[in-house]
PDB file of N, CA and C in Angstrom:
ATOM      1  N   UNK A   1      46.354   9.086 -31.367  1.00  0.00           N
ATOM      2  CA  UNK A   1      45.904   7.655 -31.668  1.00  0.00           C
ATOM      3  C   UNK A   1      46.823   6.427 -31.904  1.00  0.00           C
ATOM      4  N   UNK A   2      47.764   7.003 -32.670  1.00  0.00           N
ATOM      5  CA  UNK A   2      48.358   5.712 -33.023  1.00  0.00           C
ATOM      6  C   UNK A   2      49.523   5.843 -31.844  1.00  0.00           C
ATOM      7  N   UNK A   3      49.845   7.000 -31.136  1.00  0.00           N
ATOM      8  CA  UNK A   3      50.942   7.059 -30.078  1.00  0.00           C
ATOM      9  C   UNK A   3      50.030   6.007 -29.003  1.00  0.00           C
ATOM     10  N   UNK A   4      48.838   6.389 -28.783  1.00  0.00           N
ATOM     11  CA  UNK A   4      48.238   5.625 -27.600  1.00  0.00           C
ATOM     12  C   UNK A   4      48.518   4.070 -27.797  1.00  0.00           C
ATOM     13  N   UNK A   5      48.138   3.796 -29.289  1.00  0.00           N
ATOM     14  CA  UNK A   5      48.356   2.553 -29.358  1.00  0.00           C
ATOM     15  C   UNK A   5      49.566   1.748 -29.003  1.00  0.00           C
ATOM     16  N   UNK A   6      50.641   2.476 -29.382  1.00  0.00           N
ATOM     17  CA  UNK A   6      52.298   2.133 -29.249  1.00  0.00           C
ATOM     18  C   UNK A   6      52.312   2.012 -27.799  1.00  0.00           C
ATOM     19  N   UNK A   7      51.959   3.126 -27.135  1.00  0.00           N
ATOM     20  CA  UNK A   7      51.875   2.832 -25.448  1.00  0.00           C
ATOM     21  C   UNK A   7      51.341   1.727 -24.836  1.00  0.00           C
ATOM     22  N   UNK A   8      50.216   1.370 -25.572  1.00  0.00           N
ATOM     23  CA  UNK A   8      49.593   0.129 -24.841  1.00  0.00           C
ATOM     24  C   UNK A   8      50.418  -1.316 -25.415  1.00  0.00           C
ATOM     25  N   UNK A   9      50.826  -1.068 -26.706  1.00  0.00           N
ATOM     26  CA  UNK A   9      51.421  -2.373 -27.338  1.00  0.00           C
ATOM     27  C   UNK A   9      52.850  -1.962 -27.592  1.00  0.00           C
ATOM     28  N   UNK A  10      53.980  -2.074 -26.874  1.00  0.00           N
ATOM     29  CA  UNK A  10      55.098  -1.866 -27.090  1.00  0.00           C
ATOM     30  C   UNK A  10      55.695  -2.772 -28.084  1.00  0.00           C
ATOM     31  N   UNK A  11      55.277  -3.944 -28.353  1.00  0.00           N
ATOM     32  CA  UNK A  11      55.628  -4.540 -29.276  1.00  0.00           C
ATOM     33  C   UNK A  11      54.984  -4.360 -30.867  1.00  0.00           C
ATOM     34  N   UNK A  12      54.435  -3.091 -30.975  1.00  0.00           N
ATOM     35  CA  UNK A  12      53.321  -2.822 -32.185  1.00  0.00           C
ATOM     36  C   UNK A  12      53.863  -2.917 -33.307  1.00  0.00           C
ATOM     37  N   UNK A  13      53.013  -3.939 -34.119  1.00  0.00           N
ATOM     38  CA  UNK A  13      53.567  -4.425 -35.462  1.00  0.00           C
ATOM     39  C   UNK A  13      52.545  -3.854 -36.427  1.00  0.00           C
ATOM     40  N   UNK A  14      53.086  -2.523 -37.133  1.00  0.00           N
ATOM     41  CA  UNK A  14      52.092  -1.966 -37.985  1.00  0.00           C
ATOM     42  C   UNK A  14      51.662  -3.009 -39.166  1.00  0.00           C
ATOM     43  N   UNK A  15      52.302  -3.802 -39.453  1.00  0.00           N
ATOM     44  CA  UNK A  15      51.620  -4.741 -40.536  1.00  0.00           C
ATOM     45  C   UNK A  15      50.577  -5.893 -39.974  1.00  0.00           C
ATOM     46  N   UNK A  16      51.002  -6.286 -38.794  1.00  0.00           N
ATOM     47  CA  UNK A  16      49.856  -6.925 -38.018  1.00  0.00           C
ATOM     48  C   UNK A  16      48.859  -6.441 -37.919  1.00  0.00           C
ATOM     49  N   UNK A  17      48.857  -5.053 -37.166  1.00  0.00           N
ATOM     50  CA  UNK A  17      47.713  -4.083 -36.960  1.00  0.00           C
ATOM     51  C   UNK A  17      46.884  -3.855 -38.012  1.00  0.00           C
ATOM     52  N   UNK A  18      47.158  -3.430 -39.265  1.00  0.00           N
ATOM     53  CA  UNK A  18      46.720  -3.425 -40.322  1.00  0.00           C
ATOM     54  C   UNK A  18      45.887  -4.627 -40.981  1.00  0.00           C
ATOM     55  N   UNK A  19      46.591  -5.792 -40.634  1.00  0.00           N
ATOM     56  CA  UNK A  19      45.684  -6.858 -40.961  1.00  0.00           C
ATOM     57  C   UNK A  19      44.504  -7.284 -40.036  1.00  0.00           C
ATOM     58  N   UNK A  20      44.848  -6.970 -38.649  1.00  0.00           N
ATOM     59  CA  UNK A  20      43.798  -7.263 -37.968  1.00  0.00           C
ATOM     60  C   UNK A  20      42.724  -6.330 -38.253  1.00  0.00           C
ATOM     61  N   UNK A  21      42.968  -4.863 -38.815  1.00  0.00           N
ATOM     62  CA  UNK A  21      42.078  -3.948 -38.855  1.00  0.00           C
ATOM     63  C   UNK A  21      41.223  -4.220 -39.976  1.00  0.00           C
ATOM     64  N   UNK A  22      41.962  -5.158 -41.041  1.00  0.00           N
ATOM     65  CA  UNK A  22      41.321  -5.146 -42.289  1.00  0.00           C
ATOM     66  C   UNK A  22      40.066  -6.495 -42.157  1.00  0.00           C
ATOM     67  N   UNK A  23      40.640  -6.920 -41.156  1.00  0.00           N
ATOM     68  CA  UNK A  23      39.803  -8.252 -40.717  1.00  0.00           C
ATOM     69  C   UNK A  23      38.501  -7.829 -39.821  1.00  0.00           C
ATOM     70  N   UNK A  24      38.797  -6.837 -39.142  1.00  0.00           N
ATOM     71  CA  UNK A  24      37.627  -6.030 -38.296  1.00  0.00           C
ATOM     72  C   UNK A  24      36.718  -5.646 -39.065  1.00  0.00           C
ATOM     73  N   UNK A  25      37.361  -4.848 -40.023  1.00  0.00           N
ATOM     74  CA  UNK A  25      36.391  -3.877 -41.230  1.00  0.00           C
ATOM     75  C   UNK A  25      35.742  -4.858 -41.914  1.00  0.00           C
ATOM     76  N   UNK A  26      36.462  -5.824 -42.469  1.00  0.00           N
ATOM     77  CA  UNK A  26      35.245  -6.823 -43.022  1.00  0.00           C
ATOM     78  C   UNK A  26      34.103  -7.445 -42.525  1.00  0.00           C
ATOM     79  N   UNK A  27      34.640  -7.712 -41.226  1.00  0.00           N
ATOM     80  CA  UNK A  27      33.381  -8.515 -40.183  1.00  0.00           C
ATOM     81  C   UNK A  27      32.389  -7.588 -40.002  1.00  0.00           C
ATOM     82  N   UNK A  28      32.740  -6.115 -40.030  1.00  0.00           N
ATOM     83  CA  UNK A  28      31.945  -5.277 -39.590  1.00  0.00           C
ATOM     84  C   UNK A  28      31.032  -4.659 -40.606  1.00  0.00           C
ATOM     85  N   UNK A  29      31.565  -4.988 -41.714  1.00  0.00           N
ATOM     86  CA  UNK A  29      30.586  -4.642 -43.168  1.00  0.00           C
ATOM     87  C   UNK A  29      29.957  -6.009 -43.924  1.00  0.00           C
ATOM     88  N   UNK A  30      30.200  -7.144 -42.814  1.00  0.00           N
ATOM     89  CA  UNK A  30      29.537  -8.162 -43.462  1.00  0.00           C
ATOM     90  C   UNK A  30      30.308  -8.829 -44.570  1.00  0.00           C
ATOM     91  N   UNK A  31      31.683  -8.658 -44.721  1.00  0.00           N
ATOM     92  CA  UNK A  31      32.668  -9.159 -45.809  1.00  0.00           C
ATOM     93  C   UNK A  31      32.914 -10.758 -45.444  1.00  0.00           C
ATOM     94  N   UNK A  32      33.151 -11.275 -46.380  1.00  0.00           N
ATOM     95  CA  UNK A  32      33.538 -12.711 -45.863  1.00  0.00           C
ATOM     96  C   UNK A  32      35.096 -13.150 -45.367  1.00  0.00           C
TER      97      UNK A  32
END
């Protein structure tokens, strides 16, 4: 899965990805 993400996003930034993932998770679970 990670390799697929890197292929689609050459300038992949792990820190930014995790931040976006946290935001998406919070929204999905009704977080503020």
